[in-house]
Amino acid sequence: MNIGGLLKNSMIDYPGKLSCGIFLSGCNFDCPYCHNPDLVKGCSGRAAVFDPGNIYRFIEDRKAFLDGVVISGGEPTLQDDLFDLCRRVKNMGFPVKF
């Protein structure tokens, strides 16, 4: 999992829910209007900062405050373990939005 960033809370990314955002790094497009151009080529240099275990702990620790999790990017569907990420977040009791 190549996680490029974490948005700790948002009231606009998941309508009607207080959510956090997980930004996955890497994209196979080169859109001139991209709102996350730093995530396009990948952020492998920051992989240690955004360890998946730390992300899961962050989400679990905020179970009483968060209503959902948004997964964005880059292009999330390029990640081989996207399904595992979604399943784990859903098993924590959170709805997932892309």
PDB file of N, CA and C in Angstrom:
ATOM      1  N   MET A   1       0.859  -1.171   0.000  1.00  0.00           N
ATOM      2  CA  MET A   1       0.000   0.000   0.000  1.00  0.00           C
ATOM      3  C   MET A   1       0.899   1.225   0.000  1.00  0.00           C
ATOM      4  N   ASN A   2       0.701   2.091  -0.955  1.00  0.00           N
ATOM      5  CA  ASN A   2       1.493   3.318  -1.057  1.00  0.00           C
ATOM      6  C   ASN A   2       0.612   4.493  -0.624  1.00  0.00           C
ATOM      7  N   ILE A   3       0.662   4.802   0.660  1.00  0.00           N
ATOM      8  CA  ILE A   3      -0.169   5.864   1.219  1.00  0.00           C
ATOM      9  C   ILE A   3       0.600   7.174   1.136  1.00  0.00           C
ATOM     10  N   GLY A   4       0.011   8.153   0.464  1.00  0.00           N
ATOM     11  CA  GLY A   4       0.665   9.440   0.264  1.00  0.00           C
ATOM     12  C   GLY A   4       0.223  10.522   1.218  1.00  0.00           C
ATOM     13  N   GLY A   5      -0.829  10.272   1.992  1.00  0.00           N
ATOM     14  CA  GLY A   5      -1.283  11.298   2.917  1.00  0.00           C
ATOM     15  C   GLY A   5      -2.507  10.872   3.708  1.00  0.00           C
ATOM     16  N   LEU A   6      -2.776  11.641   4.742  1.00  0.00           N
ATOM     17  CA  LEU A   6      -3.931  11.397   5.604  1.00  0.00           C
ATOM     18  C   LEU A   6      -4.563  12.735   5.955  1.00  0.00           C
ATOM     19  N   LEU A   7      -5.836  12.855   5.691  1.00  0.00           N
ATOM     20  CA  LEU A   7      -6.624  14.011   6.106  1.00  0.00           C
ATOM     21  C   LEU A   7      -7.357  13.579   7.372  1.00  0.00           C
ATOM     22  N   LYS A   8      -7.025  14.194   8.487  1.00  0.00           N
ATOM     23  CA  LYS A   8      -7.527  13.716   9.775  1.00  0.00           C
ATOM     24  C   LYS A   8      -9.028  13.891   9.951  1.00  0.00           C
ATOM     25  N   ASN A   9      -9.600  14.938   9.380  1.00  0.00           N
ATOM     26  CA  ASN A   9     -11.052  15.079   9.422  1.00  0.00           C
ATOM     27  C   ASN A   9     -11.524  16.004   8.320  1.00  0.00           C
ATOM     28  N   SER A  10     -12.734  15.722   7.874  1.00  0.00           N
ATOM     29  CA  SER A  10     -13.360  16.508   6.821  1.00  0.00           C
ATOM     30  C   SER A  10     -14.868  16.450   6.998  1.00  0.00           C
ATOM     31  N   MET A  11     -15.492  17.585   6.747  1.00  0.00           N
ATOM     32  CA  MET A  11     -16.957  17.634   6.786  1.00  0.00           C
ATOM     33  C   MET A  11     -17.536  17.806   5.386  1.00  0.00           C
ATOM     34  N   ILE A  12     -16.678  17.770   4.344  1.00  0.00           N
ATOM     35  CA  ILE A  12     -17.176  17.962   2.984  1.00  0.00           C
ATOM     36  C   ILE A  12     -16.905  16.782   2.049  1.00  0.00           C
ATOM     37  N   ASP A  13     -15.952  15.911   2.371  1.00  0.00           N
ATOM     38  CA  ASP A  13     -15.582  14.841   1.446  1.00  0.00           C
ATOM     39  C   ASP A  13     -16.555  13.662   1.446  1.00  0.00           C
ATOM     40  N   TYR A  14     -17.302  13.501   2.517  1.00  0.00           N
ATOM     41  CA  TYR A  14     -18.305  12.438   2.605  1.00  0.00           C
ATOM     42  C   TYR A  14     -19.583  13.117   3.086  1.00  0.00           C
ATOM     43  N   PRO A  15     -20.461  13.518   2.169  1.00  0.00           N
ATOM     44  CA  PRO A  15     -21.647  14.301   2.545  1.00  0.00           C
ATOM     45  C   PRO A  15     -22.438  13.660   3.687  1.00  0.00           C
ATOM     46  N   GLY A  16     -22.689  14.481   4.698  1.00  0.00           N
ATOM     47  CA  GLY A  16     -23.474  14.042   5.840  1.00  0.00           C
ATOM     48  C   GLY A  16     -22.686  13.282   6.896  1.00  0.00           C
ATOM     49  N   LYS A  17     -21.371  13.142   6.692  1.00  0.00           N
ATOM     50  CA  LYS A  17     -20.562  12.387   7.640  1.00  0.00           C
ATOM     51  C   LYS A  17     -19.275  13.140   7.966  1.00  0.00           C
ATOM     52  N   LEU A  18     -18.839  13.025   9.195  1.00  0.00           N
ATOM     53  CA  LEU A  18     -17.510  13.493   9.572  1.00  0.00           C
ATOM     54  C   LEU A  18     -16.564  12.351   9.223  1.00  0.00           C
ATOM     55  N   SER A  19     -15.644  12.611   8.320  1.00  0.00           N
ATOM     56  CA  SER A  19     -14.795  11.542   7.811  1.00  0.00           C
ATOM     57  C   SER A  19     -13.322  11.901   7.904  1.00  0.00           C
ATOM     58  N   CYS A  20     -12.490  10.898   7.687  1.00  0.00           N
ATOM     59  CA  CYS A  20     -11.065  11.130   7.469  1.00  0.00           C
ATOM     60  C   CYS A  20     -10.783  10.676   6.044  1.00  0.00           C
ATOM     61  N   GLY A  21      -9.661  11.111   5.504  1.00  0.00           N
ATOM     62  CA  GLY A  21      -9.321  10.757   4.132  1.00  0.00           C
ATOM     63  C   GLY A  21      -7.961  10.094   4.051  1.00  0.00           C
ATOM     64  N   ILE A  22      -7.905   8.985   3.347  1.00  0.00           N
ATOM     65  CA  ILE A  22      -6.649   8.298   3.084  1.00  0.00           C
ATOM     66  C   ILE A  22      -6.319   8.541   1.616  1.00  0.00           C
ATOM     67  N   PHE A  23      -5.169   9.150   1.363  1.00  0.00           N
ATOM     68  CA  PHE A  23      -4.755   9.453  -0.003  1.00  0.00           C
ATOM     69  C   PHE A  23      -3.723   8.434  -0.459  1.00  0.00           C
ATOM     70  N   LEU A  24      -4.071   7.664  -1.488  1.00  0.00           N
ATOM     71  CA  LEU A  24      -3.165   6.659  -2.024  1.00  0.00           C
ATOM     72  C   LEU A  24      -2.364   7.272  -3.159  1.00  0.00           C
ATOM     73  N   SER A  25      -1.103   6.919  -3.221  1.00  0.00           N
ATOM     74  CA  SER A  25      -0.169   7.543  -4.139  1.00  0.00           C
ATOM     75  C   SER A  25       0.003   6.723  -5.413  1.00  0.00           C
ATOM     76  N   GLY A  26       0.165   7.431  -6.516  1.00  0.00           N
ATOM     77  CA  GLY A  26       0.372   6.813  -7.816  1.00  0.00           C
ATOM     78  C   GLY A  26      -0.840   6.984  -8.702  1.00  0.00           C
ATOM     79  N   CYS A  27      -0.581   7.272  -9.962  1.00  0.00           N
ATOM     80  CA  CYS A  27      -1.670   7.454 -10.929  1.00  0.00           C
ATOM     81  C   CYS A  27      -1.129   7.197 -12.329  1.00  0.00           C
ATOM     82  N   ASN A  28      -1.965   6.623 -13.184  1.00  0.00           N
ATOM     83  CA  ASN A  28      -1.558   6.352 -14.551  1.00  0.00           C
ATOM     84  C   ASN A  28      -2.079   7.406 -15.533  1.00  0.00           C
ATOM     85  N   PHE A  29      -2.661   8.463 -15.023  1.00  0.00           N
ATOM     86  CA  PHE A  29      -3.127   9.569 -15.856  1.00  0.00           C
ATOM     87  C   PHE A  29      -2.213  10.771 -15.670  1.00  0.00           C
ATOM     88  N   ASP A  30      -2.360  11.742 -16.523  1.00  0.00           N
ATOM     89  CA  ASP A  30      -1.603  12.992 -16.402  1.00  0.00           C
ATOM     90  C   ASP A  30      -2.565  14.144 -16.673  1.00  0.00           C
ATOM     91  N   CYS A  31      -3.601  14.238 -15.837  1.00  0.00           N
ATOM     92  CA  CYS A  31      -4.647  15.241 -16.028  1.00  0.00           C
ATOM     93  C   CYS A  31      -4.124  16.629 -15.677  1.00  0.00           C
ATOM     94  N   PRO A  32      -4.310  17.609 -16.557  1.00  0.00           N
ATOM     95  CA  PRO A  32      -3.818  18.959 -16.279  1.00  0.00           C
ATOM     96  C   PRO A  32      -4.564  19.645 -15.139  1.00  0.00           C
ATOM     97  N   TYR A  33      -5.743  19.151 -14.783  1.00  0.00           N
ATOM     98  CA  TYR A  33      -6.555  19.764 -13.726  1.00  0.00           C
ATOM     99  C   TYR A  33      -6.468  19.007 -12.399  1.00  0.00           C
ATOM    100  N   CYS A  34      -5.536  18.075 -12.282  1.00  0.00           N
ATOM    101  CA  CYS A  34      -5.418  17.243 -11.079  1.00  0.00           C
ATOM    102  C   CYS A  34      -5.272  18.110  -9.833  1.00  0.00           C
ATOM    103  N   HIS A  35      -6.055  17.799  -8.793  1.00  0.00           N
ATOM    104  CA  HIS A  35      -5.978  18.570  -7.550  1.00  0.00           C
ATOM    105  C   HIS A  35      -4.969  17.976  -6.562  1.00  0.00           C
ATOM    106  N   ASN A  36      -4.358  16.845  -6.896  1.00  0.00           N
ATOM    107  CA  ASN A  36      -3.326  16.234  -6.055  1.00  0.00           C
ATOM    108  C   ASN A  36      -2.116  15.821  -6.901  1.00  0.00           C
ATOM    109  N   PRO A  37      -1.502  16.766  -7.613  1.00  0.00           N
ATOM    110  CA  PRO A  37      -0.416  16.383  -8.530  1.00  0.00           C
ATOM    111  C   PRO A  37       0.788  15.751  -7.837  1.00  0.00           C
ATOM    112  N   ASP A  38       1.009  16.038  -6.563  1.00  0.00           N
ATOM    113  CA  ASP A  38       2.142  15.435  -5.853  1.00  0.00           C
ATOM    114  C   ASP A  38       1.958  13.930  -5.656  1.00  0.00           C
ATOM    115  N   LEU A  39       0.729  13.456  -5.742  1.00  0.00           N
ATOM    116  CA  LEU A  39       0.464  12.036  -5.552  1.00  0.00           C
ATOM    117  C   LEU A  39       0.562  11.234  -6.843  1.00  0.00           C
ATOM    118  N   VAL A  40       0.627  11.896  -7.979  1.00  0.00           N
ATOM    119  CA  VAL A  40       0.597  11.219  -9.273  1.00  0.00           C
ATOM    120  C   VAL A  40       1.783  10.276  -9.453  1.00  0.00           C
ATOM    121  N   LYS A  41       2.974  10.741  -9.223  1.00  0.00           N
ATOM    122  CA  LYS A  41       4.171   9.933  -9.484  1.00  0.00           C
ATOM    123  C   LYS A  41       4.504   8.979  -8.346  1.00  0.00           C
ATOM    124  N   GLY A  42       3.845   9.112  -7.222  1.00  0.00           N
ATOM    125  CA  GLY A  42       4.111   8.241  -6.085  1.00  0.00           C
ATOM    126  C   GLY A  42       4.914   8.968  -5.025  1.00  0.00           C
ATOM    127  N   CYS A  43       4.728   8.544  -3.814  1.00  0.00           N
ATOM    128  CA  CYS A  43       5.402   9.176  -2.677  1.00  0.00           C
ATOM    129  C   CYS A  43       6.148   8.129  -1.874  1.00  0.00           C
ATOM    130  N   SER A  44       6.887   7.272  -2.539  1.00  0.00           N
ATOM    131  CA  SER A  44       7.538   6.168  -1.839  1.00  0.00           C
ATOM    132  C   SER A  44       8.508   6.656  -0.772  1.00  0.00           C
ATOM    133  N   GLY A  45       9.032   7.851  -0.900  1.00  0.00           N
ATOM    134  CA  GLY A  45       9.943   8.386   0.104  1.00  0.00           C
ATOM    135  C   GLY A  45       9.279   8.650   1.437  1.00  0.00           C
ATOM    136  N   ARG A  46       7.942   8.779   1.437  1.00  0.00           N
ATOM    137  CA  ARG A  46       7.209   9.038   2.674  1.00  0.00           C
ATOM    138  C   ARG A  46       6.514   7.789   3.201  1.00  0.00           C
ATOM    139  N   ALA A  47       6.800   6.639   2.638  1.00  0.00           N
ATOM    140  CA  ALA A  47       6.078   5.420   3.002  1.00  0.00           C
ATOM    141  C   ALA A  47       6.179   5.100   4.491  1.00  0.00           C
ATOM    142  N   ALA A  48       7.325   5.383   5.118  1.00  0.00           N
ATOM    143  CA  ALA A  48       7.486   5.076   6.535  1.00  0.00           C
ATOM    144  C   ALA A  48       6.596   5.957   7.409  1.00  0.00           C
ATOM    145  N   VAL A  49       6.349   7.192   6.979  1.00  0.00           N
ATOM    146  CA  VAL A  49       5.508   8.113   7.742  1.00  0.00           C
ATOM    147  C   VAL A  49       4.059   7.642   7.713  1.00  0.00           C
ATOM    148  N   PHE A  50       3.622   7.135   6.575  1.00  0.00           N
ATOM    149  CA  PHE A  50       2.237   6.702   6.409  1.00  0.00           C
ATOM    150  C   PHE A  50       2.156   5.183   6.360  1.00  0.00           C
ATOM    151  N   ASP A  51       2.658   4.560   7.400  1.00  0.00           N
ATOM    152  CA  ASP A  51       2.592   3.118   7.537  1.00  0.00           C
ATOM    153  C   ASP A  51       1.121   2.708   7.695  1.00  0.00           C
ATOM    154  N   PRO A  52       0.660   1.692   6.958  1.00  0.00           N
ATOM    155  CA  PRO A  52      -0.742   1.278   7.088  1.00  0.00           C
ATOM    156  C   PRO A  52      -1.155   0.971   8.523  1.00  0.00           C
ATOM    157  N   GLY A  53      -0.259   0.379   9.302  1.00  0.00           N
ATOM    158  CA  GLY A  53      -0.592   0.089  10.708  1.00  0.00           C
ATOM    159  C   GLY A  53      -0.913   1.345  11.486  1.00  0.00           C
ATOM    160  N   ASN A  54      -0.158   2.409  11.234  1.00  0.00           N
ATOM    161  CA  ASN A  54      -0.429   3.691  11.897  1.00  0.00           C
ATOM    162  C   ASN A  54      -1.763   4.271  11.449  1.00  0.00           C
ATOM    163  N   ILE A  55      -2.090   4.108  10.187  1.00  0.00           N
ATOM    164  CA  ILE A  55      -3.371   4.610   9.658  1.00  0.00           C
ATOM    165  C   ILE A  55      -4.527   3.863  10.322  1.00  0.00           C
ATOM    166  N   TYR A  56      -4.417   2.537  10.398  1.00  0.00           N
ATOM    167  CA  TYR A  56      -5.486   1.749  11.032  1.00  0.00           C
ATOM    168  C   TYR A  56      -5.647   2.129  12.502  1.00  0.00           C
ATOM    169  N   ARG A  57      -4.544   2.332  13.200  1.00  0.00           N
ATOM    170  CA  ARG A  57      -4.626   2.748  14.615  1.00  0.00           C
ATOM    171  C   ARG A  57      -5.280   4.121  14.739  1.00  0.00           C
ATOM    172  N   PHE A  58      -4.931   5.038  13.838  1.00  0.00           N
ATOM    173  CA  PHE A  58      -5.536   6.369  13.851  1.00  0.00           C
ATOM    174  C   PHE A  58      -7.052   6.256  13.722  1.00  0.00           C
ATOM    175  N   ILE A  59      -7.498   5.461  12.766  1.00  0.00           N
ATOM    176  CA  ILE A  59      -8.943   5.304  12.523  1.00  0.00           C
ATOM    177  C   ILE A  59      -9.616   4.648  13.737  1.00  0.00           C
ATOM    178  N   GLU A  60      -9.015   3.599  14.235  1.00  0.00           N
ATOM    179  CA  GLU A  60      -9.582   2.888  15.393  1.00  0.00           C
ATOM    180  C   GLU A  60      -9.674   3.797  16.613  1.00  0.00           C
ATOM    181  N   ASP A  61      -8.654   4.611  16.843  1.00  0.00           N
ATOM    182  CA  ASP A  61      -8.640   5.517  17.996  1.00  0.00           C
ATOM    183  C   ASP A  61      -9.706   6.602  17.904  1.00  0.00           C
ATOM    184  N   ARG A  62     -10.213   6.866  16.724  1.00  0.00           N
ATOM    185  CA  ARG A  62     -11.211   7.924  16.530  1.00  0.00           C
ATOM    186  C   ARG A  62     -12.596   7.373  16.207  1.00  0.00           C
ATOM    187  N   LYS A  63     -12.819   6.147  16.598  1.00  0.00           N
ATOM    188  CA  LYS A  63     -14.091   5.481  16.322  1.00  0.00           C
ATOM    189  C   LYS A  63     -15.291   6.257  16.858  1.00  0.00           C
ATOM    190  N   ALA A  64     -15.111   6.928  17.978  1.00  0.00           N
ATOM    191  CA  ALA A  64     -16.215   7.673  18.582  1.00  0.00           C
ATOM    192  C   ALA A  64     -16.490   8.990  17.867  1.00  0.00           C
ATOM    193  N   PHE A  65     -15.561   9.434  17.031  1.00  0.00           N
ATOM    194  CA  PHE A  65     -15.702  10.742  16.393  1.00  0.00           C
ATOM    195  C   PHE A  65     -15.995  10.672  14.897  1.00  0.00           C
ATOM    196  N   LEU A  66     -15.441   9.689  14.205  1.00  0.00           N
ATOM    197  CA  LEU A  66     -15.584   9.604  12.757  1.00  0.00           C
ATOM    198  C   LEU A  66     -16.817   8.811  12.362  1.00  0.00           C
ATOM    199  N   ASP A  67     -17.428   9.228  11.231  1.00  0.00           N
ATOM    200  CA  ASP A  67     -18.597   8.524  10.704  1.00  0.00           C
ATOM    201  C   ASP A  67     -18.279   7.744   9.436  1.00  0.00           C
ATOM    202  N   GLY A  68     -17.120   7.990   8.826  1.00  0.00           N
ATOM    203  CA  GLY A  68     -16.781   7.320   7.580  1.00  0.00           C
ATOM    204  C   GLY A  68     -15.343   7.587   7.182  1.00  0.00           C
ATOM    205  N   VAL A  69     -14.896   6.857   6.164  1.00  0.00           N
ATOM    206  CA  VAL A  69     -13.533   6.984   5.644  1.00  0.00           C
ATOM    207  C   VAL A  69     -13.604   7.169   4.133  1.00  0.00           C
ATOM    208  N   VAL A  70     -12.888   8.180   3.649  1.00  0.00           N
ATOM    209  CA  VAL A  70     -12.803   8.460   2.216  1.00  0.00           C
ATOM    210  C   VAL A  70     -11.442   7.985   1.723  1.00  0.00           C
ATOM    211  N   ILE A  71     -11.437   7.256   0.627  1.00  0.00           N
ATOM    212  CA  ILE A  71     -10.191   6.821   0.005  1.00  0.00           C
ATOM    213  C   ILE A  71     -10.067   7.553  -1.320  1.00  0.00           C
ATOM    214  N   SER A  72      -8.957   8.265  -1.472  1.00  0.00           N
ATOM    215  CA  SER A  72      -8.745   9.094  -2.650  1.00  0.00           C
ATOM    216  C   SER A  72      -7.312   8.917  -3.135  1.00  0.00           C
ATOM    217  N   GLY A  73      -6.901   9.769  -4.022  1.00  0.00           N
ATOM    218  CA  GLY A  73      -5.538   9.625  -4.532  1.00  0.00           C
ATOM    219  C   GLY A  73      -5.088  10.864  -5.247  1.00  0.00           C
ATOM    220  N   GLY A  74      -4.179  10.592  -6.086  1.00  0.00           N
ATOM    221  CA  GLY A  74      -3.758   9.521  -6.967  1.00  0.00           C
ATOM    222  C   GLY A  74      -4.967   8.758  -7.499  1.00  0.00           C
ATOM    223  N   GLU A  75      -4.677   7.550  -7.918  1.00  0.00           N
ATOM    224  CA  GLU A  75      -5.705   6.644  -8.437  1.00  0.00           C
ATOM    225  C   GLU A  75      -5.734   5.398  -7.552  1.00  0.00           C
ATOM    226  N   PRO A  76      -6.677   5.331  -6.609  1.00  0.00           N
ATOM    227  CA  PRO A  76      -6.710   4.231  -5.642  1.00  0.00           C
ATOM    228  C   PRO A  76      -6.822   2.846  -6.269  1.00  0.00           C
ATOM    229  N   THR A  77      -7.505   2.732  -7.403  1.00  0.00           N
ATOM    230  CA  THR A  77      -7.727   1.403  -7.980  1.00  0.00           C
ATOM    231  C   THR A  77      -6.456   0.768  -8.532  1.00  0.00           C
ATOM    232  N   LEU A  78      -5.355   1.504  -8.569  1.00  0.00           N
ATOM    233  CA  LEU A  78      -4.078   0.928  -8.994  1.00  0.00           C
ATOM    234  C   LEU A  78      -3.384   0.156  -7.871  1.00  0.00           C
ATOM    235  N   GLN A  79      -3.843   0.318  -6.647  1.00  0.00           N
ATOM    236  CA  GLN A  79      -3.228  -0.349  -5.496  1.00  0.00           C
ATOM    237  C   GLN A  79      -3.672  -1.812  -5.430  1.00  0.00           C
ATOM    238  N   ASP A  80      -2.710  -2.710  -5.378  1.00  0.00           N
ATOM    239  CA  ASP A  80      -3.018  -4.140  -5.327  1.00  0.00           C
ATOM    240  C   ASP A  80      -3.815  -4.529  -4.088  1.00  0.00           C
ATOM    241  N   ASP A  81      -3.581  -3.848  -2.976  1.00  0.00           N
ATOM    242  CA  ASP A  81      -4.244  -4.229  -1.733  1.00  0.00           C
ATOM    243  C   ASP A  81      -5.382  -3.285  -1.348  1.00  0.00           C
ATOM    244  N   LEU A  82      -5.983  -2.641  -2.342  1.00  0.00           N
ATOM    245  CA  LEU A  82      -7.116  -1.747  -2.080  1.00  0.00           C
ATOM    246  C   LEU A  82      -8.287  -2.499  -1.447  1.00  0.00           C
ATOM    247  N   PHE A  83      -8.562  -3.686  -1.959  1.00  0.00           N
ATOM    248  CA  PHE A  83      -9.664  -4.478  -1.414  1.00  0.00           C
ATOM    249  C   PHE A  83      -9.439  -4.772   0.066  1.00  0.00           C
ATOM    250  N   ASP A  84      -8.208  -5.126   0.429  1.00  0.00           N
ATOM    251  CA  ASP A  84      -7.891  -5.411   1.837  1.00  0.00           C
ATOM    252  C   ASP A  84      -8.073  -4.171   2.708  1.00  0.00           C
ATOM    253  N   LEU A  85      -7.648  -3.007   2.194  1.00  0.00           N
ATOM    254  CA  LEU A  85      -7.835  -1.752   2.926  1.00  0.00           C
ATOM    255  C   LEU A  85      -9.313  -1.493   3.177  1.00  0.00           C
ATOM    256  N   CYS A  86     -10.118  -1.611   2.138  1.00  0.00           N
ATOM    257  CA  CYS A  86     -11.562  -1.375   2.275  1.00  0.00           C
ATOM    258  C   CYS A  86     -12.197  -2.362   3.249  1.00  0.00           C
ATOM    259  N   ARG A  87     -11.843  -3.623   3.124  1.00  0.00           N
ATOM    260  CA  ARG A  87     -12.419  -4.641   4.008  1.00  0.00           C
ATOM    261  C   ARG A  87     -12.051  -4.367   5.462  1.00  0.00           C
ATOM    262  N   ARG A  88     -10.802  -4.013   5.697  1.00  0.00           N
ATOM    263  CA  ARG A  88     -10.368  -3.763   7.081  1.00  0.00           C
ATOM    264  C   ARG A  88     -11.085  -2.551   7.677  1.00  0.00           C
ATOM    265  N   VAL A  89     -11.215  -1.480   6.894  1.00  0.00           N
ATOM    266  CA  VAL A  89     -11.907  -0.277   7.378  1.00  0.00           C
ATOM    267  C   VAL A  89     -13.384  -0.581   7.626  1.00  0.00           C
ATOM    268  N   LYS A  90     -14.011  -1.324   6.725  1.00  0.00           N
ATOM    269  CA  LYS A  90     -15.413  -1.685   6.909  1.00  0.00           C
ATOM    270  C   LYS A  90     -15.598  -2.594   8.125  1.00  0.00           C
ATOM    271  N   ASN A  91     -14.648  -3.483   8.369  1.00  0.00           N
ATOM    272  CA  ASN A  91     -14.720  -4.355   9.547  1.00  0.00           C
ATOM    273  C   ASN A  91     -14.576  -3.581  10.847  1.00  0.00           C
ATOM    274  N   MET A  92     -13.998  -2.383  10.780  1.00  0.00           N
ATOM    275  CA  MET A  92     -13.928  -1.506  11.950  1.00  0.00           C
ATOM    276  C   MET A  92     -15.268  -0.817  12.191  1.00  0.00           C
ATOM    277  N   GLY A  93     -16.195  -0.948  11.242  1.00  0.00           N
ATOM    278  CA  GLY A  93     -17.512  -0.359  11.410  1.00  0.00           C
ATOM    279  C   GLY A  93     -17.748   0.920  10.641  1.00  0.00           C
ATOM    280  N   PHE A  94     -16.854   1.258   9.719  1.00  0.00           N
ATOM    281  CA  PHE A  94     -16.980   2.505   8.962  1.00  0.00           C
ATOM    282  C   PHE A  94     -17.438   2.262   7.530  1.00  0.00           C
ATOM    283  N   PRO A  95     -18.323   3.110   7.019  1.00  0.00           N
ATOM    284  CA  PRO A  95     -18.588   3.073   5.587  1.00  0.00           C
ATOM    285  C   PRO A  95     -17.391   3.693   4.851  1.00  0.00           C
ATOM    286  N   VAL A  96     -17.178   3.249   3.611  1.00  0.00           N
ATOM    287  CA  VAL A  96     -16.053   3.720   2.797  1.00  0.00           C
ATOM    288  C   VAL A  96     -16.592   4.404   1.553  1.00  0.00           C
ATOM    289  N   LYS A  97     -15.981   5.522   1.208  1.00  0.00           N
ATOM    290  CA  LYS A  97     -16.356   6.271   0.003  1.00  0.00           C
ATOM    291  C   LYS A  97     -15.092   6.535  -0.802  1.00  0.00           C
ATOM    292  N   PHE A  98     -15.238   6.510  -2.133  1.00  0.00           N
ATOM    293  CA  PHE A  98     -14.124   6.831  -3.030  1.00  0.00           C
ATOM    294  C   PHE A  98     -14.341   8.195  -3.632  1.00  0.00           C
TER     295      PHE A  98
END
